[in-house]
Amino acid sequence: EEALTAMLRERRLAGAALDVFEHEPAINPQLRDLDNVLLLPHMGSATLEARIDMGEKVLVNIRTFVDGHQPPDRVIAKLM
């Protein structure tokens, strides 16, 4: 966010629209002061299609795990 904020402030980047923030739920106050940024609550996936897709992925992951296999969307915490 710091690099993005600097680029926006210096107009090296024309603008940005963000709905995910580095330290959610807090929003970097420097971003709020910029007139070339659109800030939204974390809602980018809030469409009917996205929610249906997420539900289907959950079911596939559960079925895959129950069948003794690694789920395709597995997240390994130690790599994050």
C-alpha atoms as a PDB file:
ATOM      1  CA  GLU A   1       0.000   0.000   0.000  1.00  0.00           C
ATOM      2  CA  GLU A   2       2.823   2.417   0.708  1.00  0.00           C
ATOM      3  CA  ALA A   3       4.229   2.100  -2.823  1.00  0.00           C
ATOM      4  CA  LEU A   4       0.743   2.355  -4.322  1.00  0.00           C
ATOM      5  CA  THR A   5      -0.031   5.438  -2.236  1.00  0.00           C
ATOM      6  CA  ALA A   6       3.206   7.111  -3.321  1.00  0.00           C
ATOM      7  CA  MET A   7       2.534   6.389  -7.001  1.00  0.00           C
ATOM      8  CA  LEU A   8      -1.010   7.735  -6.739  1.00  0.00           C
ATOM      9  CA  ARG A   9       0.102  10.844  -4.865  1.00  0.00           C
ATOM     10  CA  GLU A  10       2.822  11.555  -7.468  1.00  0.00           C
ATOM     11  CA  ARG A  11       0.335  10.854 -10.312  1.00  0.00           C
ATOM     12  CA  ARG A  12       2.600   8.134 -11.713  1.00  0.00           C
ATOM     13  CA  LEU A  13      -0.581   6.062 -11.522  1.00  0.00           C
ATOM     14  CA  ALA A  14      -3.781   7.740 -12.704  1.00  0.00           C
ATOM     15  CA  GLY A  15      -6.069   6.089 -10.187  1.00  0.00           C
ATOM     16  CA  ALA A  16      -7.061   2.992  -8.272  1.00  0.00           C
ATOM     17  CA  ALA A  17     -10.199   1.281  -7.005  1.00  0.00           C
ATOM     18  CA  LEU A  18      -9.643  -0.907  -3.949  1.00  0.00           C
ATOM     19  CA  ASP A  19     -11.831  -3.197  -1.877  1.00  0.00           C
ATOM     20  CA  VAL A  20      -9.067  -5.099  -0.090  1.00  0.00           C
ATOM     21  CA  PHE A  21      -6.643  -3.412   2.274  1.00  0.00           C
ATOM     22  CA  GLU A  22      -3.342  -4.463   3.799  1.00  0.00           C
ATOM     23  CA  HIS A  23      -4.460  -4.089   7.418  1.00  0.00           C
ATOM     24  CA  GLU A  24      -8.219  -4.678   7.242  1.00  0.00           C
ATOM     25  CA  PRO A  25     -10.487  -3.493   8.690  1.00  0.00           C
ATOM     26  CA  ALA A  26      -8.261  -0.411   9.041  1.00  0.00           C
ATOM     27  CA  ILE A  27      -7.719   1.666   5.910  1.00  0.00           C
ATOM     28  CA  ASN A  28      -4.503   3.596   5.372  1.00  0.00           C
ATOM     29  CA  PRO A  29      -5.480   7.237   6.065  1.00  0.00           C
ATOM     30  CA  GLN A  30      -3.122   8.400   3.298  1.00  0.00           C
ATOM     31  CA  LEU A  31      -5.314   6.561   0.780  1.00  0.00           C
ATOM     32  CA  ARG A  32      -8.414   8.320   2.101  1.00  0.00           C
ATOM     33  CA  ASP A  33      -6.865  11.720   1.410  1.00  0.00           C
ATOM     34  CA  LEU A  34      -6.324  11.051  -2.306  1.00  0.00           C
ATOM     35  CA  ASP A  35      -8.835  12.249  -4.895  1.00  0.00           C
ATOM     36  CA  ASN A  36      -7.828   9.597  -7.447  1.00  0.00           C
ATOM     37  CA  VAL A  37      -8.808   6.576  -5.337  1.00  0.00           C
ATOM     38  CA  LEU A  38     -12.133   4.801  -4.938  1.00  0.00           C
ATOM     39  CA  LEU A  39     -12.315   2.886  -1.646  1.00  0.00           C
ATOM     40  CA  LEU A  40     -15.002   0.274  -1.041  1.00  0.00           C
ATOM     41  CA  PRO A  41     -15.700  -2.177   1.773  1.00  0.00           C
ATOM     42  CA  HIS A  42     -14.441  -5.693   1.066  1.00  0.00           C
ATOM     43  CA  MET A  43     -17.304  -6.600  -1.267  1.00  0.00           C
ATOM     44  CA  GLY A  44     -15.791  -7.428  -4.659  1.00  0.00           C
ATOM     45  CA  SER A  45     -17.184 -10.939  -4.578  1.00  0.00           C
ATOM     46  CA  ALA A  46     -20.691  -9.887  -3.591  1.00  0.00           C
ATOM     47  CA  THR A  47     -22.433 -10.995  -6.772  1.00  0.00           C
ATOM     48  CA  LEU A  48     -24.862 -13.876  -7.090  1.00  0.00           C
ATOM     49  CA  GLU A  49     -22.584 -15.637  -9.578  1.00  0.00           C
ATOM     50  CA  ALA A  50     -19.506 -15.306  -7.365  1.00  0.00           C
ATOM     51  CA  ARG A  51     -21.331 -16.583  -4.284  1.00  0.00           C
ATOM     52  CA  ILE A  52     -22.729 -19.592  -6.161  1.00  0.00           C
ATOM     53  CA  ASP A  53     -19.241 -20.351  -7.504  1.00  0.00           C
ATOM     54  CA  MET A  54     -17.750 -20.114  -3.997  1.00  0.00           C
ATOM     55  CA  GLY A  55     -20.376 -22.501  -2.639  1.00  0.00           C
ATOM     56  CA  GLU A  56     -19.688 -24.987  -5.423  1.00  0.00           C
ATOM     57  CA  LYS A  57     -15.936 -24.811  -4.746  1.00  0.00           C
ATOM     58  CA  VAL A  58     -16.564 -25.522  -1.060  1.00  0.00           C
ATOM     59  CA  LEU A  59     -18.569 -28.619  -1.952  1.00  0.00           C
ATOM     60  CA  VAL A  60     -15.872 -29.846  -4.373  1.00  0.00           C
ATOM     61  CA  ASN A  61     -13.164 -29.288  -1.749  1.00  0.00           C
ATOM     62  CA  ILE A  62     -15.119 -31.133   0.954  1.00  0.00           C
ATOM     63  CA  ARG A  63     -15.936 -34.063  -1.348  1.00  0.00           C
ATOM     64  CA  THR A  64     -12.308 -34.275  -2.520  1.00  0.00           C
ATOM     65  CA  PHE A  65     -11.050 -34.276   1.086  1.00  0.00           C
ATOM     66  CA  VAL A  66     -13.611 -36.870   2.219  1.00  0.00           C
ATOM     67  CA  ASP A  67     -12.525 -39.067  -0.703  1.00  0.00           C
ATOM     68  CA  GLY A  68      -8.945 -38.959   0.628  1.00  0.00           C
ATOM     69  CA  HIS A  69      -7.436 -36.496  -1.830  1.00  0.00           C
ATOM     70  CA  GLN A  70      -5.993 -32.997  -1.532  1.00  0.00           C
ATOM     71  CA  PRO A  71      -8.561 -30.305  -2.286  1.00  0.00           C
ATOM     72  CA  PRO A  72      -7.672 -28.264  -5.392  1.00  0.00           C
ATOM     73  CA  ASP A  73      -8.001 -24.935  -3.546  1.00  0.00           C
ATOM     74  CA  ARG A  74      -5.979 -25.959  -0.502  1.00  0.00           C
ATOM     75  CA  VAL A  75      -4.178 -23.161   1.342  1.00  0.00           C
ATOM     76  CA  ILE A  76      -1.117 -24.142   3.334  1.00  0.00           C
ATOM     77  CA  ALA A  77      -0.700 -21.702   6.221  1.00  0.00           C
ATOM     78  CA  LYS A  78       3.078 -22.104   6.559  1.00  0.00           C
ATOM     79  CA  LEU A  79       3.582 -20.849   2.990  1.00  0.00           C
ATOM     80  CA  MET A  80       1.554 -17.690   3.505  1.00  0.00           C
END
